[in-house]
Protein backbone atom coordinates (compact mmCIF):
# COMPACT_ATOMS: atom_id res chain seq x y z
CA MET A 1 -4.72 -39.37 -5.25
CA ASN A 2 -7.54 -38.36 -7.62
CA THR A 3 -8.50 -34.79 -8.55
CA GLU A 4 -11.49 -34.66 -6.17
CA THR A 5 -9.42 -35.81 -3.21
CA PHE A 6 -6.65 -33.22 -4.04
CA SER A 7 -9.22 -30.46 -4.39
CA ALA A 8 -10.76 -31.31 -1.06
CA ASN A 9 -7.36 -31.34 0.66
CA ALA A 10 -6.41 -28.10 -0.97
CA ALA A 11 -9.64 -26.47 0.16
CA ALA A 12 -8.91 -27.60 3.68
CA GLU A 13 -5.59 -25.76 3.34
CA ASN A 14 -7.45 -22.62 2.25
CA LEU A 15 -6.11 -22.65 -1.24
CA THR A 16 -8.31 -20.69 -3.67
CA GLU A 17 -10.18 -22.46 -6.46
CA GLU A 18 -8.02 -20.55 -8.95
CA ALA A 19 -4.84 -21.75 -7.22
CA VAL A 20 -6.10 -25.35 -7.17
CA ASP A 21 -6.92 -25.17 -10.89
CA ALA A 22 -3.50 -23.71 -11.62
CA LEU A 23 -1.72 -26.40 -9.63
CA LEU A 24 -3.77 -29.12 -11.34
CA ARG A 25 -3.00 -27.78 -14.73
CA ALA A 26 0.70 -27.58 -13.92
CA ASP A 27 0.68 -31.12 -12.60
CA ALA A 28 -1.28 -32.45 -15.54
CA GLN A 29 1.56 -31.42 -17.78
CA GLN A 30 3.90 -33.67 -15.78
CA GLY A 31 1.91 -36.89 -15.44
CA ASP A 32 -1.40 -38.76 -15.50
CA GLY A 33 -2.87 -37.08 -12.40
CA PRO A 34 -2.16 -34.82 -9.51
CA HIS A 35 0.97 -35.62 -7.60
CA PRO A 36 0.40 -36.28 -3.86
CA HIS A 37 3.02 -33.67 -3.06
CA LEU A 38 0.61 -30.99 -4.20
CA ALA A 39 -1.35 -31.54 -1.02
CA LEU A 40 1.68 -30.40 0.91
CA PHE A 41 1.55 -26.83 -0.24
CA SER A 42 0.91 -24.27 2.50
CA SER A 43 -2.05 -21.95 2.27
CA ARG A 44 0.54 -19.18 1.72
CA ALA A 45 1.62 -20.83 -1.52
CA ALA A 46 -1.65 -19.91 -3.15
CA ASN A 47 -0.68 -16.28 -2.82
CA ILE A 48 2.69 -16.64 -4.50
CA LYS A 49 2.12 -15.43 -8.06
CA GLN A 50 4.12 -14.94 -11.20
CA SER A 51 4.57 -11.24 -11.72
CA ALA A 52 2.74 -9.92 -14.75
CA VAL A 53 5.69 -7.64 -15.34
CA ARG A 54 8.07 -10.67 -15.51
CA ASP A 55 5.69 -12.33 -17.96
CA VAL A 56 5.88 -9.26 -20.18
CA PHE A 57 9.68 -9.19 -19.89
CA GLU A 58 9.74 -12.70 -21.38
CA ILE A 59 7.56 -11.59 -24.28
CA SER A 60 9.69 -8.50 -24.88
CA MET A 61 12.66 -10.63 -25.85
CA LYS A 62 10.99 -11.37 -29.23
CA PRO A 63 13.11 -9.90 -32.04
CA GLY A 64 11.60 -6.84 -33.69
CA LEU A 65 9.47 -5.71 -30.81
CA VAL A 66 9.82 -2.28 -29.28
CA SER A 67 9.64 -2.93 -25.55
CA LEU A 68 8.19 -0.07 -23.50
CA ALA A 69 7.68 -2.56 -20.62
CA GLY A 70 10.92 -2.95 -18.68
CA GLY A 71 12.00 -0.46 -16.05
CA ASN A 72 15.69 -1.08 -16.72
CA PRO A 73 18.53 1.43 -16.17
CA TYR A 74 20.65 2.34 -19.19
CA LEU A 75 23.80 0.42 -18.26
CA ALA A 76 25.61 1.25 -21.52
CA SER A 77 26.52 4.63 -20.05
CA LEU A 78 28.59 3.02 -17.26
CA PRO A 79 32.40 2.76 -17.51
CA LEU A 80 32.17 -0.99 -18.01
CA ALA A 81 35.78 -1.65 -19.03
CA ASP A 82 37.09 0.21 -15.99
CA LEU A 83 34.64 -1.62 -13.72
CA GLY A 84 35.84 -4.91 -15.17
CA ARG A 85 39.42 -4.08 -14.15
CA THR A 86 38.18 -3.07 -10.68
CA ALA A 87 36.31 -6.31 -10.28
CA SER A 88 39.40 -8.23 -11.37
CA ARG A 89 41.57 -6.38 -8.87
CA ILE A 90 39.14 -7.08 -6.07
CA ILE A 91 39.35 -10.82 -6.78
CA SER A 92 43.09 -10.88 -7.26
CA GLU A 93 44.03 -8.76 -4.26
CA THR A 94 41.23 -9.44 -1.73
CA GLY A 95 39.64 -12.58 -3.06
CA LEU A 96 39.84 -14.49 0.21
CA GLU A 97 37.61 -11.79 1.74
CA ALA A 98 35.52 -11.01 -1.33
CA LEU A 99 34.51 -14.61 -1.94
CA GLN A 100 33.94 -15.56 1.72
CA TYR A 101 30.93 -15.22 4.00
CA GLY A 102 30.49 -11.73 5.38
CA GLY A 103 28.61 -10.03 8.15
CA GLY A 104 24.82 -10.28 8.07
CA GLN A 105 24.26 -6.52 8.33
CA GLY A 106 26.67 -5.69 5.44
CA THR A 107 30.21 -4.39 5.36
CA ALA A 108 31.01 -1.35 7.54
CA GLU A 109 32.44 0.53 4.57
CA LEU A 110 29.35 0.12 2.40
CA ARG A 111 26.97 1.03 5.23
CA GLN A 112 28.84 4.28 5.71
CA GLN A 113 28.81 4.95 2.00
CA ILE A 114 25.04 4.23 1.93
CA CYS A 115 24.66 7.05 4.41
CA ASP A 116 26.48 9.35 1.98
CA VAL A 117 24.17 8.26 -0.84
CA MET A 118 21.17 8.97 1.35
CA ALA A 119 22.59 12.40 2.20
CA ALA A 120 22.61 13.12 -1.56
CA GLU A 121 18.97 11.99 -1.51
CA GLY A 122 18.17 14.59 1.19
CA LEU A 123 18.45 12.42 4.27
CA MET A 124 21.23 13.88 6.45
CA ASP A 125 21.03 12.06 9.76
CA ALA A 126 21.38 8.43 8.86
CA ASP A 127 23.47 6.25 11.23
CA PRO A 128 25.32 3.31 9.57
CA GLU A 129 24.48 1.27 12.69
CA ASN A 130 20.84 1.35 11.61
CA VAL A 131 21.53 0.39 7.98
CA VAL A 132 20.91 -3.18 6.97
CA VAL A 133 22.27 -4.22 3.53
CA THR A 134 19.81 -6.44 1.65
CA ALA A 135 19.56 -8.42 -1.60
CA GLY A 136 17.92 -5.50 -3.33
CA SER A 137 15.01 -3.59 -1.87
CA GLN A 138 12.76 -6.44 -2.87
CA SER A 139 14.35 -8.55 -0.17
CA ALA A 140 13.84 -5.72 2.29
CA GLN A 141 10.14 -5.63 1.45
CA ASP A 142 9.93 -9.37 2.17
CA VAL A 143 11.56 -8.87 5.59
CA VAL A 144 9.22 -5.94 6.36
CA ALA A 145 6.17 -8.13 5.67
CA LYS A 146 7.64 -11.02 7.63
CA VAL A 147 8.55 -9.00 10.68
CA PHE A 148 5.52 -6.77 11.00
CA CYS A 149 2.48 -8.56 9.42
CA ASP A 150 0.32 -11.39 10.52
CA PRO A 151 -2.15 -12.97 8.08
CA GLY A 152 -5.14 -10.62 7.74
CA ASP A 153 -3.34 -7.46 8.81
CA VAL A 154 -3.77 -4.45 6.64
CA VAL A 155 -1.09 -2.77 4.60
CA LEU A 156 -2.04 0.53 2.98
CA ILE A 157 -0.64 1.29 -0.51
CA GLU A 158 -0.86 3.91 -3.16
CA ASP A 159 -3.08 2.90 -6.06
CA PRO A 160 -1.24 2.14 -8.36
CA THR A 161 1.92 0.79 -6.79
CA TYR A 162 4.95 -1.44 -7.43
CA VAL A 163 3.93 -4.90 -8.52
CA GLY A 164 6.77 -6.53 -6.55
CA ALA A 165 5.55 -5.07 -3.34
CA LEU A 166 2.02 -6.31 -4.07
CA ASN A 167 3.27 -9.83 -4.68
CA THR A 168 5.36 -9.75 -1.56
CA PHE A 169 2.57 -8.61 0.73
CA GLU A 170 0.00 -10.97 -0.84
CA ALA A 171 2.39 -13.88 -0.32
CA TYR A 172 2.29 -13.20 3.41
CA GLN A 173 -1.53 -13.21 3.31
CA VAL A 174 -1.76 -9.51 4.07
CA ASP A 175 -4.89 -7.49 3.18
CA VAL A 176 -3.60 -4.86 0.79
CA GLN A 177 -5.87 -1.80 0.88
CA PRO A 178 -5.43 0.90 -1.79
CA VAL A 179 -5.53 4.63 -1.12
CA PRO A 180 -6.31 7.01 -3.98
CA VAL A 181 -3.68 9.27 -5.51
CA ASP A 182 -3.84 12.36 -7.76
CA GLY A 183 -1.27 14.34 -9.74
CA ASP A 184 0.45 15.30 -6.48
CA GLY A 185 0.63 11.79 -5.11
CA LEU A 186 -1.01 10.26 -2.09
CA VAL A 187 -4.01 12.32 -0.85
CA PRO A 188 -3.70 12.93 2.95
CA HIS A 189 -7.41 13.41 3.69
CA LEU A 190 -8.28 10.29 1.72
CA LEU A 191 -5.58 8.36 3.64
CA GLN A 192 -7.16 9.49 6.87
CA GLU A 193 -10.64 8.52 5.70
CA ARG A 194 -9.48 5.07 4.68
CA ILE A 195 -7.77 4.52 8.03
CA THR A 196 -10.94 5.64 9.83
CA GLU A 197 -13.08 3.26 7.83
CA LEU A 198 -10.79 0.30 8.47
CA ARG A 199 -10.51 1.05 12.18
CA ALA A 200 -14.29 1.26 12.43
CA ALA A 201 -14.42 -2.20 10.88
CA GLY A 202 -12.10 -3.53 13.57
CA ARG A 203 -9.15 -3.97 11.21
CA THR A 204 -5.48 -3.99 12.29
CA ILE A 205 -3.38 -1.63 10.15
CA LYS A 206 0.35 -2.17 10.32
CA LEU A 207 2.03 -0.33 7.43
CA LEU A 208 1.75 2.32 4.80
CA TYR A 209 3.95 1.37 1.83
CA THR A 210 4.73 4.29 -0.45
CA ILE A 211 6.98 5.26 -3.35
CA PRO A 212 6.81 9.11 -3.06
CA ASN A 213 9.48 9.92 -5.66
CA PHE A 214 8.48 9.18 -9.28
CA ASN A 215 6.24 6.35 -8.30
CA ASN A 216 6.50 3.04 -10.09
CA PRO A 217 4.30 2.77 -12.18
CA SER A 218 2.79 6.25 -12.40
CA GLY A 219 5.88 8.45 -12.33
CA VAL A 220 4.10 10.84 -9.93
CA LEU A 221 6.10 12.87 -7.38
CA LEU A 222 4.44 13.34 -3.98
CA SER A 223 4.26 17.06 -3.38
CA ALA A 224 6.45 18.52 -0.65
CA GLY A 225 3.44 19.98 1.15
CA ARG A 226 1.85 16.56 1.63
CA ARG A 227 4.86 14.69 2.97
CA GLN A 228 4.81 15.64 6.60
CA GLN A 229 1.00 15.46 6.71
CA ILE A 230 1.21 11.80 5.67
CA VAL A 231 3.85 10.96 8.31
CA ASP A 232 1.84 12.81 10.98
CA ILE A 233 -1.35 10.91 10.15
CA CYS A 234 0.45 7.59 10.36
CA ARG A 235 2.28 8.52 13.57
CA ALA A 236 -1.02 9.42 15.23
CA GLU A 237 -2.58 6.10 14.08
CA ASN A 238 0.55 4.00 15.05
CA ILE A 239 1.14 2.94 11.50
CA LEU A 240 4.73 2.49 10.35
CA VAL A 241 5.61 4.28 7.05
CA VAL A 242 7.65 2.14 4.67
CA GLU A 243 9.23 4.58 2.19
CA ASP A 244 10.69 3.01 -0.94
CA ASN A 245 12.98 5.40 -2.78
CA PRO A 246 14.86 3.82 -5.72
CA TYR A 247 14.35 6.80 -8.02
CA GLY A 248 14.86 9.81 -5.72
CA LEU A 249 18.28 10.83 -7.23
CA LEU A 250 16.96 10.52 -10.77
CA THR A 251 15.19 13.83 -10.78
CA PHE A 252 15.49 15.49 -14.19
CA ASP A 253 16.25 18.98 -12.89
CA GLY A 254 18.67 17.85 -10.16
CA GLU A 255 16.41 19.23 -7.40
CA VAL A 256 15.96 16.52 -4.76
CA VAL A 257 12.85 16.57 -2.57
CA PRO A 258 13.67 15.50 1.01
CA PRO A 259 12.31 11.98 1.76
CA LEU A 260 9.54 11.35 4.26
CA ARG A 261 12.22 9.84 6.49
CA ALA A 262 14.03 13.25 6.76
CA GLY A 263 13.19 14.50 10.25
CA ASN A 264 11.16 11.42 11.08
CA PRO A 265 13.66 8.81 12.19
CA ASP A 266 11.27 6.85 14.47
CA ASP A 267 8.26 6.72 12.13
CA VAL A 268 9.62 5.79 8.68
CA LEU A 269 11.49 2.66 7.61
CA TYR A 270 13.42 3.76 4.51
CA LEU A 271 14.33 1.48 1.60
CA GLY A 272 16.98 2.22 -1.00
CA SER A 273 18.65 0.39 -3.86
CA PHE A 274 21.63 0.44 -6.18
CA SER A 275 19.57 -1.17 -8.89
CA LYS A 276 18.50 2.09 -10.54
CA ILE A 277 21.54 4.25 -9.74
CA PHE A 278 24.25 1.64 -10.53
CA ALA A 279 23.53 -1.97 -11.48
CA PRO A 280 20.48 -4.17 -10.78
CA GLY A 281 22.39 -7.41 -11.41
CA LEU A 282 24.41 -6.88 -8.25
CA ARG A 283 21.17 -7.21 -6.22
CA ILE A 284 22.21 -4.86 -3.43
CA GLY A 285 19.78 -2.60 -1.60
CA TRP A 286 19.38 -1.41 1.98
CA ALA A 287 16.97 -0.54 4.72
CA LEU A 288 17.47 2.33 7.13
CA VAL A 289 15.51 1.03 10.07
CA PRO A 290 14.36 3.06 13.10
CA ALA A 291 16.79 2.29 15.90
CA HIS A 292 14.18 0.67 18.17
CA LEU A 293 13.23 -1.74 15.31
CA LYS A 294 16.59 -2.44 13.77
CA GLN A 295 17.71 -5.56 15.70
CA ARG A 296 14.62 -7.64 14.89
CA PHE A 297 14.68 -6.52 11.28
CA TYR A 298 18.39 -7.38 10.97
CA LEU A 299 17.91 -10.85 12.45
CA ALA A 300 15.03 -11.57 10.13
CA SER A 301 17.08 -10.47 7.13
CA GLU A 302 20.04 -12.58 8.20
CA ALA A 303 17.72 -15.61 8.60
CA VAL A 304 16.83 -15.28 4.85
CA THR A 305 20.16 -14.43 3.16
CA LEU A 306 22.66 -15.18 5.89
CA CYS A 307 24.77 -12.39 4.52
CA PRO A 308 24.59 -10.05 1.47
CA PRO A 309 27.14 -11.01 -1.17
CA THR A 310 30.52 -9.73 -0.07
CA PHE A 311 32.03 -9.35 -3.55
CA ASN A 312 29.09 -7.36 -4.81
CA GLN A 313 29.31 -4.99 -1.76
CA MET A 314 33.05 -4.56 -2.35
CA LEU A 315 32.47 -3.71 -5.99
CA ILE A 316 29.84 -1.16 -5.15
CA SER A 317 32.15 0.30 -2.47
CA ALA A 318 34.94 0.65 -5.05
CA TYR A 319 32.51 2.33 -7.40
CA LEU A 320 31.38 4.84 -4.80
CA ARG A 321 34.95 5.41 -3.58
CA ASP A 322 37.00 5.51 -6.84
CA TYR A 323 34.56 6.68 -9.49
CA ASP A 324 32.55 9.87 -10.09
CA TRP A 325 29.29 8.29 -9.20
CA MET A 326 27.48 11.56 -8.84
CA GLY A 327 28.74 12.49 -12.30
CA GLN A 328 27.11 9.24 -13.53
CA ILE A 329 23.83 10.31 -11.78
CA ARG A 330 24.02 13.56 -13.71
CA THR A 331 24.46 11.53 -16.92
CA TYR A 332 21.44 9.41 -16.08
CA ARG A 333 19.41 12.58 -15.37
CA ARG A 334 20.24 14.00 -18.82
CA LEU A 335 19.62 10.70 -20.62
CA TYR A 336 16.31 9.99 -18.89
CA ARG A 337 15.12 13.61 -19.27
CA GLU A 338 15.74 13.37 -23.03
CA ARG A 339 14.03 10.01 -23.31
CA CYS A 340 11.06 11.07 -21.21
CA ALA A 341 10.60 14.15 -23.43
CA ALA A 342 10.78 12.00 -26.56
CA LEU A 343 8.09 9.75 -25.24
CA LEU A 344 5.86 12.59 -24.21
CA ASP A 345 6.32 14.27 -27.59
CA ALA A 346 5.34 11.00 -29.37
CA LEU A 347 2.32 10.59 -27.17
CA ALA A 348 1.17 14.09 -28.02
CA GLU A 349 1.61 13.40 -31.74
CA TYR A 350 0.10 9.92 -32.04
CA MET A 351 -2.33 9.14 -29.20
CA PRO A 352 -6.04 9.19 -29.97
CA ASP A 353 -8.34 11.74 -28.32
CA GLY A 354 -9.25 10.96 -24.72
CA VAL A 355 -6.07 9.19 -23.72
CA GLN A 356 -4.30 10.93 -20.80
CA TRP A 357 -0.85 10.49 -19.35
CA THR A 358 1.38 11.61 -16.55
CA ARG A 359 4.27 14.04 -17.15
CA PRO A 360 6.94 12.84 -14.74
CA LEU A 361 9.78 14.99 -13.41
CA GLY A 362 12.08 12.05 -12.90
CA GLY A 363 12.30 8.26 -12.73
CA PHE A 364 11.54 5.76 -15.50
CA PHE A 365 7.79 5.65 -16.24
CA VAL A 366 4.80 7.32 -17.87
CA TRP A 367 1.26 6.17 -16.91
CA LEU A 368 -1.53 6.20 -19.47
CA THR A 369 -5.20 6.30 -18.73
CA LEU A 370 -7.79 5.42 -21.36
CA PRO A 371 -11.34 6.80 -21.29
CA GLY A 372 -14.31 4.80 -20.18
CA GLN A 373 -14.05 1.13 -19.26
CA VAL A 374 -11.50 -0.05 -21.79
CA ASP A 375 -9.53 -2.96 -20.36
CA THR A 376 -5.89 -2.70 -21.37
CA TYR A 377 -4.98 -6.35 -20.56
CA PRO A 378 -6.66 -7.81 -23.67
CA LEU A 379 -4.75 -5.21 -25.72
CA LEU A 380 -1.41 -6.81 -24.89
CA GLN A 381 -1.57 -9.36 -27.71
CA PRO A 382 -2.77 -6.86 -30.38
CA GLY A 383 0.10 -4.67 -29.20
CA ILE A 384 2.61 -7.52 -29.66
CA ASP A 385 1.12 -8.15 -33.10
CA ALA A 386 1.79 -4.48 -33.88
CA GLY A 387 5.35 -4.77 -32.64
CA VAL A 388 5.21 -3.04 -29.26
CA VAL A 389 5.06 -4.23 -25.64
CA PHE A 390 3.69 -2.46 -22.60
CA VAL A 391 2.54 -3.46 -19.12
CA PRO A 392 -1.23 -3.47 -18.46
CA GLY A 393 -2.22 -1.42 -15.45
CA ALA A 394 -4.01 -4.25 -13.72
CA ALA A 395 -0.53 -5.55 -12.66
CA PHE A 396 -0.08 -2.54 -10.35
CA THR A 397 -3.25 -2.49 -8.31
CA ALA A 398 -4.85 -4.54 -5.58
CA THR A 399 -8.29 -3.50 -6.83
CA PRO A 400 -9.90 -6.45 -8.65
CA GLY A 401 -11.36 -6.26 -12.13
CA PRO A 402 -10.29 -4.70 -15.43
CA SER A 403 -8.06 -1.61 -15.57
CA ASN A 404 -8.12 1.18 -18.16
CA THR A 405 -4.45 2.03 -17.54
CA LEU A 406 -1.02 0.97 -18.77
CA ARG A 407 2.62 1.70 -18.00
CA LEU A 408 5.27 2.75 -20.53
CA ALA A 409 8.97 2.69 -19.56
CA PHE A 410 11.37 5.03 -21.31
CA SER A 411 14.65 4.50 -19.39
CA ALA A 412 16.31 1.92 -21.56
CA VAL A 413 14.89 2.85 -24.94
CA PRO A 414 16.54 5.28 -27.40
CA PRO A 415 14.39 8.31 -28.43
CA GLU A 416 13.80 7.11 -31.99
CA SER A 417 12.56 3.71 -30.68
CA LEU A 418 10.33 5.36 -28.18
CA ARG A 419 8.70 7.30 -31.04
CA GLU A 420 8.34 4.19 -33.10
CA GLY A 421 6.85 2.25 -30.20
CA VAL A 422 4.18 4.89 -29.62
CA ARG A 423 3.44 5.03 -33.30
CA ARG A 424 2.78 1.25 -33.21
CA LEU A 425 0.78 1.42 -29.98
CA ALA A 426 -1.55 4.24 -31.01
CA PRO A 427 -3.71 2.34 -33.54
CA VAL A 428 -4.17 -0.51 -31.01
CA LEU A 429 -5.55 1.96 -28.49
CA ALA A 430 -7.62 3.73 -31.12
CA ALA A 431 -9.22 0.49 -32.19
CA ALA A 432 -10.09 -0.38 -28.58
CA LEU A 433 -11.71 3.05 -28.09
CA ALA A 434 -13.65 2.72 -31.33
CA GLY A 435 -14.89 -0.71 -30.35
C-alpha cells in the first residue's frame, strides 16, 4: 500500500492529519513504506497520545539534571526493610491466595480499610459495598469515560487539570471543555455560564472532572465555600461530578477540607489512590461509586483488569493494619511543607520580575505563570541545557495553542536541590522575557 492509499484510508477512519503523519513517520522507521496494518487502526487510536509528562520523565533521568518535573512521593521515608519482611511473610504464609486471582471488586478487608482512609479524608459515610478497587485512579478514570461517555459528549474540567485525565477522555473521543479557575479553585458562576453556553449549543454534558484538593498541576485548593455550590449546580444540570482526591491527606497544616462527596452520595463519584500516600508502584486506587451506578461501573472495571492484584492489595492491607500509616502521613506533611517552603523561598529570590506562582497549602506542585505571551514549551531544551527540567503548562490544558505556564514539583526533591534547580531555571525564563 502506498502513502496516498494509506492516507485516504486513514482519512476515511477519521484519523487526523497529524495522526496520519505520526503513523507514517513511525512506520518509515521500520521499513520501506507504510505497513498495511496501519489501515486497521480505529479512529479512537488517533486520540491516544504519549503524555508530555512521561516524555519529560524520560529526559529527567539524564545525570546531573535537577528534575522539578515528576510528581513522585518521597518513598525513602517509608519503613522499607519492615515492609520487605511483611511482603515475604504474605508470600510464605498466604501465597496460594496472594498469588491467585481475586474478586473483581477488591478484597473485603481492603475495601473496609479504604472507607477508614476516606474517613480520615473527611468522608464519613462510605459503604465498602460501593467501593471498587482499581489499578490506580488512572484506571478508574478510564472506566468512568467508558461507562458514561459517548463520542462527542462533553466533559467539563478545570483549566489546568491532570494530564492523565485529559489523555483518557480524549482517547474516548470526548469533547473536553475547560472552565476557568482562580486562586480559590473552580469558579461557580463561570461553571454555570459554561454549562448554559453548551446547553444552548445543543451539547450533551456528562461529567465534571475536578481535583479540588491541591490540584495537579496548579496546587490550588478549592475553597470550602464553593464546594457545595459546585455540586448543586451539577445536580440541577444532571451532570455527574467526578472528584479525584489523591492529595487530600497531604495538607501541610493537618486540617482536612471535607470532599465534595461528603453529604452528596448520589451526585459525586469519588476517586482515591494509594499512589501518593503509600506507594505508586503497587498501582492500587479506588472508586467510591454512587450506589445506583456501582454495578455497571464495577462490571466495566472487571472487564478491563479482571481483578486488581491480590498480593498488592494484601500488602496495602497489612500496611494499614500493622503500621502507623497516619504517622507516615504526618511525616509526609512535614517533609512536603519544608520542601514547598524551600521552593517558594528560592522562587522569591531568583525569579525575574513579572513571574507569578501559586502558594499551595498541600500536595506536590507549584504553578508558574509568565507575563505576556511567552510560550514555555520551547524553553524546555534551554532548561535542560541549564541543568533543570520542568513540565510546560501546555500539557495540562485542553485549550489549543501556546501556554505561558509551567509546573514545578517539589515532593521528591531535597531543599538544597530545589534551590539549585530554581537558580538554574531563572536565567532561562529571564532570557525568554527579555526576548
